[in-house]
Amino acid sequence: MTNKHDLIQPDRGQTAIAIHLVDKQGLDEWLKGLSGPQRAALSAQKFTGGGFEHAIVPDGEGWFAVGGVADAASLSSWCLAKLADVLPEGTYKLASGEPGPAILGWMTAQYRFERYKQKKSTKGPRVLLTPQPGAIDAAAAQARATTMVRDMVNVPTADMGPDQIEGQAQTIAARFGATMSVTRGDALISGYPMIHAVGRAADRANQPRLTELLWGRDGAPRIAIVGKGITFDTGGLDIKPSAGGRLMKKDMGGAAHALGLAALIMRSHLPVQLHLLLPVAENAISGNAFRPGDVLTSRKGLTVEIGNTDAEGRLVLGDALTKAGEGKPALIIDFATLTGAARVALGPDLPAMFANDEALAAELVACGTQVDDPVWRLPLWDAYNEMFKSDIADLSNSGEGGYAGSITAALFLQRFVPEGTPWAHFDTFAWRPSAKPGRPKGGDALGMRAAFAMLEARYGR
């Protein structure tokens, strides 16, 4: 794909096609400055100033573009995204004002996943000029992180197994000078037994592992980022129906989000000590798959009775969260494509966010709104802990009754977070079932930029 920096360039007076942004409130006044033929062209294209509407207007021997926005005085990340997708190849600039946050959407709108297509798009890049050159690097970094998440989630499991996720982590570690360690296969049994149990049925090429990256200076606040990396979820012996398995290539979306966030932290030189943990496994089926009724002893020492082998993500996260807590972090954030219940409650656009700290929760919600990456807080309702009771173990991995599935999953994870450690959990979809401007159908980062904005606000650059 085109380098993100090539899509947004400083405005140094280059020749460019003008883009006029108009909202419904200002449309009539703006039309007064146009000629009759220009107004007729807009009318023929049924342009009313509505959000994401667009039109091409003749102007002498050339033309200019016009885009409808909700509020021309307050641009969002996505208000130029439709134009970036539909306009012809070329160089553009706003007729007035600055694009501000819209430079992100301009870049992400030009994402294409064509790895497996013989016939690829021949449409060239649409370049936007900006009088804000200082904003380009940060926006391009977020666009690159978003692209990485999209690519990782879109790639099928055959080409995005545990080895490939480890390889992606190795690339990022090398780029930013992080220290990387990997515990894999039977070496997990003594230290990370739940990660091992979930992934032991996969073939040797896809053996489970915990990949860790450590970056930053000693003495800085320690931030632990954890990402669920189930490269494919069959459901285990409690096998999913065919419809349920269709998108399970994306069950490593939490690991992709965690890697993207880690890259943003390191690229921005946030004054923190970063500990990235990726518990990665394929929940496969074979003769040695873990079974309903098995009892696992976690790294923390809690015993877990397996009520459902399809509730495996919380198991690998439990061991990883325990390891994260041993470093005494100032903050733990985890990402996981954890429950269908979160999607039933909030739909595909909103990640469910849980937090054990009121200030942290408020900051995440506010920062998500500010950067157009909204999250929605759900409660850690303590009374539902009784749903995990087991007759033979400390707890079960599946709640009784089928109620409040995303809440009970978050409560399970909370058991493995050290008491008093601020923690946020994102139950994210990592997928868009339909396209929106700047956000094509397929894998996507949901909640990652909200978390990064919160970390930037807390720790600065």
Foldseek 3Di string as FASTA:
>chain_A
DDQLDQQEAACPPDDAAEEEEAAQVCVVVVCVPDDPQQVVQCVVQVDRLAQQDKGWGDDVPRIHIYGRHHDPVDAALFRCLSVLQPPAATEYEYPDDFNPNVSLLSRLSPDDDCPPPPDDDPGDGYHYHGNCVVCRVLSSLLSVLFNQLQNLQFDALVCNAPVNLLVVVVVLCVVLVWDKDKQWDPSCCVQFVLLQQQAVFDDPVRTWMKMKIKDADPPFFEEEEEFEAACFQQQEPLGDPPVVRPSRNNQRSQSSLSSSLVSSCSVQVFRHIYMYIYGHHHRDYDPSHDDQQDWDQGNVRFIAHENTSSQSRLSSLLSVQLVVCVVVGLEYETEGLGDPVQCVVPNQQEWEKEKPDPVVVVQLQVLCVVNVQHYHYDYLDVVQQVQQDDPPTNGYSAGPPPPPRVNNSVNSSVVRHDPPRIYMYTNHNQFDCQDDRSRHGGGGDHSSSSVSSSSCVVRND
